[in-house]
Amino acid sequence: MLGQLPTSLEIRGVKYDIRSDYRNILRIISAFDAKDLRDSEKALVCLRRMYVDFDAIPRDAYEEAYKAAVAFIECGMHSDDGRNPKVVEWDKDAQLIFAAINKVAGHEVRADPYMHWWTFLGYFQNVDRDDLWGFVLTIRQKRAKGKKLEQYETEFFNANRSMCEIGERRDRKQEAIDYMEALYKELRGEE
């Protein structure tokens, strides 16, 4: 129904409940971004985190379940033509992102016990481009698409290079690796 926020996904005519809270989706995205996980491990993290009763999904339906999960996460915004370069690192950018989203939402969203992913994404899409996060995002988008920065953008970029560049921060690399390995083991039941 129009305007409804889905809390289940249909696979082969059967509805499976999903964990639709934005925190869960951000953990899945974090797994997708993990350089030390193989694609099959990333898919397993996604499926186990997304579906409440993952074990009820037939093995031969995993690919369909994965595609449905990714479509839910992307909310119809994915482009297969390669024109959507990566400009957000959710882990690195968390403080900037939440400050901007809180402004749009009018309250501290992390205090909400539950917020649907699509609601969170709606707030994210409405961030003011003149705020710090919006400005950083604009610089990243221009650079990713090879567009020339304005003089004031270049000055800001040069003064705040670590904030504006996409890439792993070396001081947190091992921490992220350890976290993802622990998460993967937990999901496989190897604690």
N, C-alpha and C. Protein backbone atom coordinates (compact mmCIF):
# COMPACT_ATOMS: atom_id res chain seq x y z
N MET A 1 0.84 -1.18 0.00
CA MET A 1 0.00 0.00 0.00
C MET A 1 0.89 1.25 0.00
N LEU A 2 0.47 2.24 -0.73
CA LEU A 2 1.21 3.48 -0.86
C LEU A 2 1.43 4.13 0.51
N GLY A 3 2.66 4.55 0.77
CA GLY A 3 2.97 5.24 2.02
C GLY A 3 3.31 4.33 3.18
N GLN A 4 3.26 3.03 2.98
CA GLN A 4 3.57 2.09 4.04
C GLN A 4 5.08 1.85 4.12
N LEU A 5 5.55 1.67 5.33
CA LEU A 5 6.96 1.33 5.53
C LEU A 5 7.05 -0.18 5.71
N PRO A 6 7.69 -0.88 4.79
CA PRO A 6 7.71 -2.34 4.86
C PRO A 6 8.49 -2.87 6.06
N THR A 7 7.93 -3.87 6.68
CA THR A 7 8.60 -4.56 7.78
C THR A 7 8.75 -6.05 7.45
N SER A 8 8.47 -6.39 6.20
CA SER A 8 8.69 -7.75 5.71
C SER A 8 9.01 -7.66 4.23
N LEU A 9 9.66 -8.69 3.73
CA LEU A 9 9.97 -8.78 2.30
C LEU A 9 9.42 -10.10 1.79
N GLU A 10 8.93 -10.09 0.56
CA GLU A 10 8.35 -11.29 -0.01
C GLU A 10 9.37 -12.02 -0.87
N ILE A 11 9.50 -13.31 -0.60
CA ILE A 11 10.40 -14.17 -1.35
C ILE A 11 9.60 -15.40 -1.77
N ARG A 12 9.45 -15.56 -3.06
CA ARG A 12 8.69 -16.68 -3.63
C ARG A 12 7.29 -16.79 -3.02
N GLY A 13 6.64 -15.68 -2.88
CA GLY A 13 5.27 -15.66 -2.39
C GLY A 13 5.11 -15.75 -0.88
N VAL A 14 6.22 -15.84 -0.15
CA VAL A 14 6.17 -15.92 1.31
C VAL A 14 6.77 -14.65 1.90
N LYS A 15 6.07 -14.06 2.87
CA LYS A 15 6.58 -12.85 3.52
C LYS A 15 7.45 -13.25 4.70
N TYR A 16 8.62 -12.60 4.77
CA TYR A 16 9.56 -12.82 5.87
C TYR A 16 9.77 -11.50 6.59
N ASP A 17 9.59 -11.49 7.90
CA ASP A 17 9.80 -10.28 8.69
C ASP A 17 11.27 -9.88 8.61
N ILE A 18 11.48 -8.56 8.59
CA ILE A 18 12.84 -8.04 8.54
C ILE A 18 13.10 -7.10 9.71
N ARG A 19 14.37 -6.89 9.99
CA ARG A 19 14.79 -5.91 10.99
C ARG A 19 15.00 -4.60 10.24
N SER A 20 14.02 -3.73 10.29
CA SER A 20 14.01 -2.53 9.46
C SER A 20 14.56 -1.28 10.14
N ASP A 21 15.02 -1.41 11.38
CA ASP A 21 15.58 -0.25 12.08
C ASP A 21 16.86 0.21 11.40
N TYR A 22 17.05 1.51 11.32
CA TYR A 22 18.20 2.06 10.61
C TYR A 22 19.54 1.58 11.17
N ARG A 23 19.60 1.32 12.46
CA ARG A 23 20.86 0.87 13.07
C ARG A 23 21.30 -0.47 12.48
N ASN A 24 20.35 -1.35 12.28
CA ASN A 24 20.64 -2.64 11.69
C ASN A 24 21.13 -2.48 10.26
N ILE A 25 20.50 -1.62 9.50
CA ILE A 25 20.90 -1.41 8.11
C ILE A 25 22.29 -0.80 8.04
N LEU A 26 22.61 0.12 8.95
CA LEU A 26 23.95 0.69 8.97
C LEU A 26 25.01 -0.37 9.28
N ARG A 27 24.66 -1.34 10.10
CA ARG A 27 25.60 -2.45 10.36
C ARG A 27 25.81 -3.29 9.11
N ILE A 28 24.75 -3.50 8.35
CA ILE A 28 24.87 -4.25 7.10
C ILE A 28 25.75 -3.47 6.12
N ILE A 29 25.52 -2.18 6.01
CA ILE A 29 26.33 -1.34 5.12
C ILE A 29 27.80 -1.37 5.55
N SER A 30 28.03 -1.37 6.85
CA SER A 30 29.39 -1.47 7.36
C SER A 30 30.04 -2.77 6.90
N ALA A 31 29.28 -3.86 6.91
CA ALA A 31 29.81 -5.14 6.43
C ALA A 31 30.09 -5.07 4.94
N PHE A 32 29.19 -4.44 4.17
CA PHE A 32 29.41 -4.29 2.73
C PHE A 32 30.71 -3.54 2.45
N ASP A 33 31.05 -2.58 3.30
CA ASP A 33 32.25 -1.77 3.10
C ASP A 33 33.53 -2.43 3.62
N ALA A 34 33.39 -3.53 4.35
CA ALA A 34 34.56 -4.18 4.96
C ALA A 34 35.42 -4.82 3.87
N LYS A 35 36.66 -4.38 3.80
CA LYS A 35 37.57 -4.88 2.78
C LYS A 35 38.08 -6.29 3.09
N ASP A 36 38.01 -6.69 4.34
CA ASP A 36 38.55 -7.99 4.73
C ASP A 36 37.52 -9.12 4.68
N LEU A 37 36.28 -8.83 4.31
CA LEU A 37 35.26 -9.86 4.16
C LEU A 37 35.09 -10.19 2.68
N ARG A 38 34.96 -11.48 2.40
CA ARG A 38 34.66 -11.90 1.02
C ARG A 38 33.20 -11.56 0.72
N ASP A 39 32.87 -11.50 -0.56
CA ASP A 39 31.50 -11.17 -0.96
C ASP A 39 30.49 -12.14 -0.35
N SER A 40 30.83 -13.42 -0.29
CA SER A 40 29.91 -14.41 0.29
C SER A 40 29.68 -14.14 1.78
N GLU A 41 30.72 -13.69 2.48
CA GLU A 41 30.58 -13.36 3.90
C GLU A 41 29.73 -12.10 4.08
N LYS A 42 29.91 -11.14 3.20
CA LYS A 42 29.09 -9.92 3.26
C LYS A 42 27.62 -10.26 3.04
N ALA A 43 27.36 -11.14 2.07
CA ALA A 43 25.98 -11.54 1.79
C ALA A 43 25.38 -12.27 2.99
N LEU A 44 26.16 -13.12 3.63
CA LEU A 44 25.66 -13.85 4.80
C LEU A 44 25.34 -12.89 5.94
N VAL A 45 26.22 -11.92 6.18
CA VAL A 45 25.96 -10.92 7.21
C VAL A 45 24.65 -10.19 6.89
N CYS A 46 24.48 -9.80 5.64
CA CYS A 46 23.27 -9.10 5.22
C CYS A 46 22.03 -9.95 5.49
N LEU A 47 22.04 -11.18 5.04
CA LEU A 47 20.86 -12.04 5.18
C LEU A 47 20.53 -12.31 6.65
N ARG A 48 21.54 -12.63 7.43
CA ARG A 48 21.30 -12.95 8.85
C ARG A 48 20.83 -11.73 9.63
N ARG A 49 21.36 -10.57 9.30
CA ARG A 49 20.95 -9.35 10.01
C ARG A 49 19.58 -8.87 9.54
N MET A 50 19.28 -9.05 8.27
CA MET A 50 18.04 -8.52 7.70
C MET A 50 16.82 -9.34 8.11
N TYR A 51 16.90 -10.64 7.96
CA TYR A 51 15.72 -11.48 8.14
C TYR A 51 15.62 -12.01 9.56
N VAL A 52 14.48 -11.75 10.19
CA VAL A 52 14.26 -12.18 11.57
C VAL A 52 14.37 -13.69 11.67
N ASP A 53 13.76 -14.40 10.71
CA ASP A 53 13.78 -15.87 10.73
C ASP A 53 14.55 -16.37 9.50
N PHE A 54 15.80 -15.99 9.43
CA PHE A 54 16.64 -16.34 8.29
C PHE A 54 16.64 -17.85 8.03
N ASP A 55 16.66 -18.65 9.09
CA ASP A 55 16.74 -20.11 8.92
C ASP A 55 15.51 -20.70 8.23
N ALA A 56 14.41 -19.96 8.17
CA ALA A 56 13.20 -20.45 7.51
C ALA A 56 13.25 -20.25 5.99
N ILE A 57 14.19 -19.45 5.53
CA ILE A 57 14.30 -19.20 4.09
C ILE A 57 15.00 -20.40 3.43
N PRO A 58 14.39 -20.99 2.40
CA PRO A 58 15.04 -22.12 1.72
C PRO A 58 16.39 -21.70 1.13
N ARG A 59 17.37 -22.58 1.20
CA ARG A 59 18.71 -22.27 0.71
C ARG A 59 18.70 -21.84 -0.76
N ASP A 60 17.85 -22.47 -1.56
CA ASP A 60 17.83 -22.12 -2.98
C ASP A 60 17.14 -20.78 -3.24
N ALA A 61 16.67 -20.12 -2.18
CA ALA A 61 16.05 -18.79 -2.30
C ALA A 61 16.96 -17.69 -1.74
N TYR A 62 18.17 -18.05 -1.32
CA TYR A 62 19.07 -17.05 -0.74
C TYR A 62 19.39 -15.90 -1.70
N GLU A 63 19.62 -16.23 -2.95
CA GLU A 63 19.95 -15.17 -3.91
C GLU A 63 18.79 -14.18 -4.05
N GLU A 64 17.57 -14.71 -4.13
CA GLU A 64 16.40 -13.85 -4.22
C GLU A 64 16.23 -13.03 -2.93
N ALA A 65 16.47 -13.67 -1.78
CA ALA A 65 16.36 -12.97 -0.49
C ALA A 65 17.41 -11.86 -0.40
N TYR A 66 18.60 -12.13 -0.90
CA TYR A 66 19.66 -11.12 -0.89
C TYR A 66 19.29 -9.94 -1.78
N LYS A 67 18.81 -10.22 -2.98
CA LYS A 67 18.41 -9.14 -3.89
C LYS A 67 17.29 -8.30 -3.29
N ALA A 68 16.34 -8.94 -2.62
CA ALA A 68 15.24 -8.20 -1.98
C ALA A 68 15.78 -7.32 -0.85
N ALA A 69 16.74 -7.85 -0.09
CA ALA A 69 17.33 -7.08 1.01
C ALA A 69 18.07 -5.86 0.47
N VAL A 70 18.86 -6.04 -0.57
CA VAL A 70 19.62 -4.93 -1.16
C VAL A 70 18.66 -3.89 -1.75
N ALA A 71 17.61 -4.33 -2.41
CA ALA A 71 16.62 -3.40 -2.96
C ALA A 71 15.97 -2.58 -1.84
N PHE A 72 15.69 -3.23 -0.70
CA PHE A 72 15.13 -2.53 0.45
C PHE A 72 16.12 -1.48 0.96
N ILE A 73 17.38 -1.87 1.10
CA ILE A 73 18.41 -0.96 1.61
C ILE A 73 18.59 0.23 0.67
N GLU A 74 18.63 -0.03 -0.63
CA GLU A 74 18.85 1.03 -1.61
C GLU A 74 17.61 1.88 -1.85
N CYS A 75 16.47 1.38 -1.46
CA CYS A 75 15.22 2.15 -1.55
C CYS A 75 15.01 2.70 -2.96
N GLY A 76 15.40 1.90 -3.96
CA GLY A 76 15.19 2.29 -5.35
C GLY A 76 16.12 3.38 -5.86
N MET A 77 17.22 3.63 -5.15
CA MET A 77 18.11 4.73 -5.56
C MET A 77 19.40 4.26 -6.21
N HIS A 78 19.55 2.99 -6.48
CA HIS A 78 20.79 2.47 -7.06
C HIS A 78 20.81 2.73 -8.56
N SER A 79 21.99 3.01 -9.05
CA SER A 79 22.17 3.22 -10.48
C SER A 79 23.18 2.19 -10.98
N ASP A 80 22.77 1.41 -11.97
CA ASP A 80 23.66 0.39 -12.53
C ASP A 80 24.61 0.97 -13.58
N ASP A 81 24.47 2.25 -13.89
CA ASP A 81 25.29 2.83 -14.94
C ASP A 81 26.62 3.39 -14.43
N GLY A 82 26.92 3.17 -13.17
CA GLY A 82 28.21 3.59 -12.63
C GLY A 82 28.30 5.05 -12.28
N ARG A 83 27.20 5.77 -12.29
CA ARG A 83 27.24 7.20 -12.02
C ARG A 83 27.01 7.53 -10.55
N ASN A 84 27.02 6.56 -9.70
CA ASN A 84 26.84 6.81 -8.26
C ASN A 84 28.12 6.43 -7.52
N PRO A 85 29.16 7.24 -7.63
CA PRO A 85 30.40 6.91 -6.92
C PRO A 85 30.18 7.01 -5.42
N LYS A 86 30.98 6.27 -4.69
CA LYS A 86 30.87 6.27 -3.23
C LYS A 86 31.33 7.62 -2.69
N VAL A 87 30.44 8.27 -1.94
CA VAL A 87 30.78 9.56 -1.36
C VAL A 87 30.49 9.61 0.14
N VAL A 88 29.98 8.50 0.69
CA VAL A 88 29.67 8.45 2.12
C VAL A 88 30.38 7.25 2.73
N GLU A 89 31.03 7.48 3.85
CA GLU A 89 31.58 6.40 4.68
C GLU A 89 30.86 6.50 6.01
N TRP A 90 29.83 5.70 6.16
CA TRP A 90 28.94 5.82 7.31
C TRP A 90 29.69 5.79 8.64
N ASP A 91 30.66 4.89 8.78
CA ASP A 91 31.40 4.81 10.04
C ASP A 91 32.21 6.08 10.29
N LYS A 92 32.95 6.51 9.30
CA LYS A 92 33.79 7.69 9.43
C LYS A 92 32.96 8.96 9.61
N ASP A 93 31.86 9.05 8.89
CA ASP A 93 31.07 10.28 8.84
C ASP A 93 29.95 10.35 9.88
N ALA A 94 29.87 9.39 10.75
CA ALA A 94 28.72 9.27 11.67
C ALA A 94 28.41 10.57 12.41
N GLN A 95 29.40 11.21 12.99
CA GLN A 95 29.13 12.41 13.79
C GLN A 95 28.55 13.53 12.92
N LEU A 96 29.12 13.73 11.75
CA LEU A 96 28.61 14.76 10.84
C LEU A 96 27.20 14.42 10.36
N ILE A 97 27.00 13.17 10.01
CA ILE A 97 25.69 12.74 9.49
C ILE A 97 24.61 12.90 10.56
N PHE A 98 24.88 12.41 11.76
CA PHE A 98 23.84 12.48 12.79
C PHE A 98 23.53 13.92 13.20
N ALA A 99 24.51 14.77 13.23
CA ALA A 99 24.24 16.18 13.53
C ALA A 99 23.30 16.77 12.48
N ALA A 100 23.54 16.46 11.22
CA ALA A 100 22.71 16.98 10.14
C ALA A 100 21.31 16.36 10.17
N ILE A 101 21.24 15.05 10.39
CA ILE A 101 19.93 14.38 10.43
C ILE A 101 19.12 14.87 11.63
N ASN A 102 19.78 15.05 12.76
CA ASN A 102 19.07 15.55 13.95
C ASN A 102 18.45 16.91 13.67
N LYS A 103 19.16 17.74 12.93
CA LYS A 103 18.63 19.06 12.59
C LYS A 103 17.37 18.93 11.73
N VAL A 104 17.42 18.04 10.75
CA VAL A 104 16.25 17.82 9.89
C VAL A 104 15.10 17.24 10.70
N ALA A 105 15.39 16.25 11.54
CA ALA A 105 14.35 15.57 12.31
C ALA A 105 13.81 16.44 13.45
N GLY A 106 14.62 17.36 13.91
CA GLY A 106 14.19 18.22 15.01
C GLY A 106 14.40 17.60 16.38
N HIS A 107 15.15 16.50 16.42
CA HIS A 107 15.46 15.84 17.69
C HIS A 107 16.62 14.87 17.49
N GLU A 108 17.12 14.34 18.58
CA GLU A 108 18.22 13.37 18.53
C GLU A 108 17.65 12.01 18.13
N VAL A 109 17.90 11.61 16.87
CA VAL A 109 17.31 10.37 16.36
C VAL A 109 17.91 9.13 17.01
N ARG A 110 19.14 9.23 17.50
CA ARG A 110 19.75 8.07 18.16
C ARG A 110 19.05 7.73 19.46
N ALA A 111 18.26 8.66 20.00
CA ALA A 111 17.51 8.40 21.23
C ALA A 111 16.20 7.66 20.95
N ASP A 112 15.79 7.64 19.69
CA ASP A 112 14.56 6.92 19.33
C ASP A 112 14.80 5.42 19.48
N PRO A 113 13.90 4.70 20.13
CA PRO A 113 14.10 3.26 20.27
C PRO A 113 14.02 2.51 18.94
N TYR A 114 13.29 3.09 17.98
CA TYR A 114 13.16 2.48 16.66
C TYR A 114 12.93 3.58 15.64
N MET A 115 13.57 3.45 14.50
CA MET A 115 13.29 4.32 13.36
C MET A 115 13.49 3.49 12.10
N HIS A 116 12.45 3.43 11.29
CA HIS A 116 12.52 2.68 10.05
C HIS A 116 13.64 3.24 9.17
N TRP A 117 14.34 2.37 8.47
CA TRP A 117 15.44 2.75 7.58
C TRP A 117 15.01 3.81 6.58
N TRP A 118 13.83 3.66 5.99
CA TRP A 118 13.40 4.61 4.97
C TRP A 118 13.11 5.98 5.58
N THR A 119 12.67 6.03 6.81
CA THR A 119 12.48 7.31 7.49
C THR A 119 13.83 7.98 7.70
N PHE A 120 14.79 7.21 8.19
CA PHE A 120 16.15 7.71 8.40
C PHE A 120 16.72 8.21 7.07
N LEU A 121 16.54 7.43 6.01
CA LEU A 121 17.05 7.80 4.70
C LEU A 121 16.37 9.08 4.19
N GLY A 122 15.09 9.23 4.49
CA GLY A 122 14.39 10.46 4.12
C GLY A 122 14.99 11.68 4.80
N TYR A 123 15.30 11.55 6.08
CA TYR A 123 15.98 12.64 6.78
C TYR A 123 17.34 12.92 6.13
N PHE A 124 18.07 11.86 5.84
CA PHE A 124 19.39 11.99 5.24
C PHE A 124 19.32 12.75 3.92
N GLN A 125 18.31 12.44 3.12
CA GLN A 125 18.18 13.07 1.80
C GLN A 125 17.77 14.54 1.91
N ASN A 126 17.27 14.95 3.04
CA ASN A 126 16.82 16.33 3.21
C ASN A 126 17.79 17.20 3.99
N VAL A 127 19.01 16.73 4.15
CA VAL A 127 20.03 17.52 4.84
C VAL A 127 20.31 18.78 4.02
N ASP A 128 20.41 19.89 4.71
CA ASP A 128 20.69 21.18 4.08
C ASP A 128 22.11 21.17 3.51
N ARG A 129 22.24 21.44 2.23
CA ARG A 129 23.55 21.44 1.58
C ARG A 129 24.47 22.54 2.10
N ASP A 130 23.92 23.52 2.80
CA ASP A 130 24.75 24.60 3.35
C ASP A 130 25.30 24.26 4.74
N ASP A 131 24.81 23.19 5.36
CA ASP A 131 25.36 22.75 6.64
C ASP A 131 26.70 22.05 6.40
N LEU A 132 27.45 21.82 7.45
CA LEU A 132 28.77 21.22 7.32
C LEU A 132 28.74 19.90 6.57
N TRP A 133 27.85 18.97 6.97
CA TRP A 133 27.81 17.67 6.30
C TRP A 133 27.41 17.83 4.84
N GLY A 134 26.42 18.65 4.57
CA GLY A 134 25.99 18.89 3.19
C GLY A 134 27.10 19.48 2.35
N PHE A 135 27.88 20.37 2.93
CA PHE A 135 28.99 21.00 2.23
C PHE A 135 30.08 19.97 1.91
N VAL A 136 30.42 19.15 2.91
CA VAL A 136 31.43 18.10 2.71
C VAL A 136 30.94 17.13 1.63
N LEU A 137 29.68 16.76 1.68
CA LEU A 137 29.11 15.84 0.69
C LEU A 137 29.15 16.44 -0.71
N THR A 138 28.86 17.72 -0.83
CA THR A 138 28.92 18.40 -2.13
C THR A 138 30.34 18.36 -2.69
N ILE A 139 31.33 18.62 -1.85
CA ILE A 139 32.73 18.56 -2.29
C ILE A 139 33.07 17.15 -2.75
N ARG A 140 32.69 16.15 -1.97
CA ARG A 140 32.97 14.77 -2.35
C ARG A 140 32.31 14.40 -3.67
N GLN A 141 31.07 14.81 -3.84
CA GLN A 141 30.36 14.49 -5.08
C GLN A 141 31.03 15.14 -6.29
N LYS A 142 31.42 16.39 -6.15
CA LYS A 142 32.10 17.08 -7.25
C LYS A 142 33.42 16.39 -7.58
N ARG A 143 34.19 16.07 -6.56
CA ARG A 143 35.48 15.43 -6.80
C ARG A 143 35.31 14.05 -7.42
N ALA A 144 34.30 13.29 -6.96
CA ALA A 144 34.06 11.95 -7.49
C ALA A 144 33.66 11.98 -8.96
N LYS A 145 33.01 13.05 -9.36
CA LYS A 145 32.57 13.17 -10.75
C LYS A 145 33.52 14.00 -11.60
N GLY A 146 34.68 14.38 -11.01
CA GLY A 146 35.69 15.11 -11.74
C GLY A 146 35.32 16.56 -12.04
N LYS A 147 34.41 17.11 -11.26
CA LYS A 147 34.01 18.51 -11.47
C LYS A 147 34.95 19.44 -10.72
N LYS A 148 35.10 20.64 -11.24
CA LYS A 148 35.98 21.64 -10.64
C LYS A 148 35.31 22.22 -9.39
N LEU A 149 36.11 22.33 -8.33
CA LEU A 149 35.62 22.95 -7.10
C LEU A 149 35.72 24.46 -7.22
N GLU A 150 34.79 25.14 -6.58
CA GLU A 150 34.87 26.59 -6.48
C GLU A 150 36.06 26.94 -5.59
N GLN A 151 36.54 28.17 -5.65
CA GLN A 151 37.70 28.59 -4.86
C GLN A 151 37.47 28.33 -3.36
N TYR A 152 36.31 28.72 -2.84
CA TYR A 152 36.03 28.54 -1.41
C TYR A 152 35.94 27.05 -1.05
N GLU A 153 35.49 26.21 -1.98
CA GLU A 153 35.44 24.76 -1.74
C GLU A 153 36.85 24.18 -1.71
N THR A 154 37.69 24.65 -2.61
CA THR A 154 39.09 24.20 -2.64
C THR A 154 39.80 24.58 -1.35
N GLU A 155 39.58 25.80 -0.89
CA GLU A 155 40.20 26.24 0.36
C GLU A 155 39.72 25.38 1.53
N PHE A 156 38.43 25.09 1.59
CA PHE A 156 37.90 24.26 2.66
C PHE A 156 38.47 22.84 2.57
N PHE A 157 38.50 22.29 1.35
CA PHE A 157 39.05 20.95 1.14
C PHE A 157 40.49 20.87 1.62
N ASN A 158 41.31 21.83 1.24
CA ASN A 158 42.72 21.83 1.62
C ASN A 158 42.90 21.95 3.14
N ALA A 159 42.03 22.70 3.78
CA ALA A 159 42.12 22.88 5.23
C ALA A 159 41.52 21.70 6.01
N ASN A 160 40.68 20.89 5.35
CA ASN A 160 39.96 19.80 6.02
C ASN A 160 40.01 18.52 5.20
N ARG A 161 41.19 18.23 4.69
CA ARG A 161 41.37 17.10 3.79
C ARG A 161 40.90 15.78 4.39
N SER A 162 41.21 15.50 5.64
CA SER A 162 40.82 14.21 6.24
C SER A 162 39.30 14.09 6.36
N MET A 163 38.61 15.20 6.52
CA MET A 163 37.15 15.18 6.60
C MET A 163 36.54 14.98 5.21
N CYS A 164 37.18 15.52 4.20
CA CYS A 164 36.59 15.55 2.86
C CYS A 164 36.97 14.35 1.99
N GLU A 165 38.03 13.65 2.33
CA GLU A 165 38.46 12.53 1.49
C GLU A 165 37.79 11.23 1.93
N ILE A 166 37.54 10.40 0.96
CA ILE A 166 37.02 9.07 1.21
C ILE A 166 38.22 8.14 1.32
N GLY A 167 38.19 7.27 2.29
CA GLY A 167 39.28 6.32 2.47
C GLY A 167 39.40 5.94 3.92
N GLU A 168 39.95 4.77 4.14
CA GLU A 168 40.10 4.26 5.49
C GLU A 168 41.04 5.11 6.31
N ARG A 169 40.64 5.36 7.54
CA ARG A 169 41.56 6.03 8.46
C ARG A 169 42.45 4.95 9.07
N ARG A 170 43.72 5.14 8.94
CA ARG A 170 44.66 4.11 9.37
C ARG A 170 44.58 3.80 10.86
N ASP A 171 44.29 4.80 11.67
CA ASP A 171 44.27 4.56 13.11
C ASP A 171 43.09 3.69 13.54
N ARG A 172 42.08 3.50 12.69
CA ARG A 172 40.92 2.71 13.06
C ARG A 172 40.82 1.41 12.26
N LYS A 173 41.78 1.17 11.39
CA LYS A 173 41.71 0.02 10.51
C LYS A 173 41.62 -1.29 11.27
N GLN A 174 42.50 -1.54 12.21
CA GLN A 174 42.50 -2.80 12.92
C GLN A 174 41.25 -2.93 13.78
N GLU A 175 40.79 -1.84 14.37
CA GLU A 175 39.57 -1.87 15.17
C GLU A 175 38.38 -2.30 14.30
N ALA A 176 38.30 -1.79 13.10
CA ALA A 176 37.21 -2.16 12.19
C ALA A 176 37.32 -3.62 11.77
N ILE A 177 38.52 -4.07 11.49
CA ILE A 177 38.73 -5.47 11.11
C ILE A 177 38.30 -6.39 12.23
N ASP A 178 38.74 -6.08 13.45
CA ASP A 178 38.37 -6.90 14.60
C ASP A 178 36.86 -6.94 14.81
N TYR A 179 36.22 -5.78 14.65
CA TYR A 179 34.77 -5.70 14.82
C TYR A 179 34.06 -6.58 13.80
N MET A 180 34.46 -6.50 12.54
CA MET A 180 33.79 -7.26 11.49
C MET A 180 34.02 -8.76 11.66
N GLU A 181 35.21 -9.15 12.07
CA GLU A 181 35.47 -10.57 12.31
C GLU A 181 34.60 -11.09 13.45
N ALA A 182 34.48 -10.32 14.51
CA ALA A 182 33.64 -10.72 15.64
C ALA A 182 32.17 -10.79 15.23
N LEU A 183 31.72 -9.84 14.44
CA LEU A 183 30.34 -9.82 13.97
C LEU A 183 30.07 -11.04 13.10
N TYR A 184 30.97 -11.34 12.21
CA TYR A 184 30.80 -12.49 11.32
C TYR A 184 30.75 -13.79 12.13
N LYS A 185 31.64 -13.94 13.10
CA LYS A 185 31.64 -15.14 13.94
C LYS A 185 30.36 -15.24 14.75
N GLU A 186 29.90 -14.11 15.27
CA GLU A 186 28.65 -14.10 16.05
C GLU A 186 27.48 -14.56 15.19
N LEU A 187 27.42 -14.06 13.97
CA LEU A 187 26.32 -14.42 13.09
C LEU A 187 26.37 -15.87 12.65
N ARG A 188 27.55 -16.42 12.59
CA ARG A 188 27.70 -17.84 12.24
C ARG A 188 27.55 -18.73 13.47
N GLY A 189 27.40 -18.12 14.65
CA GLY A 189 27.23 -18.89 15.88
C GLY A 189 28.52 -19.50 16.39
N GLU A 190 29.64 -18.83 16.15
CA GLU A 190 30.95 -19.37 16.54
C GLU A 190 31.52 -18.71 17.79
N GLU A 191 30.70 -18.04 18.56
CA GLU A 191 31.21 -17.33 19.73
C GLU A 191 31.93 -18.28 20.58
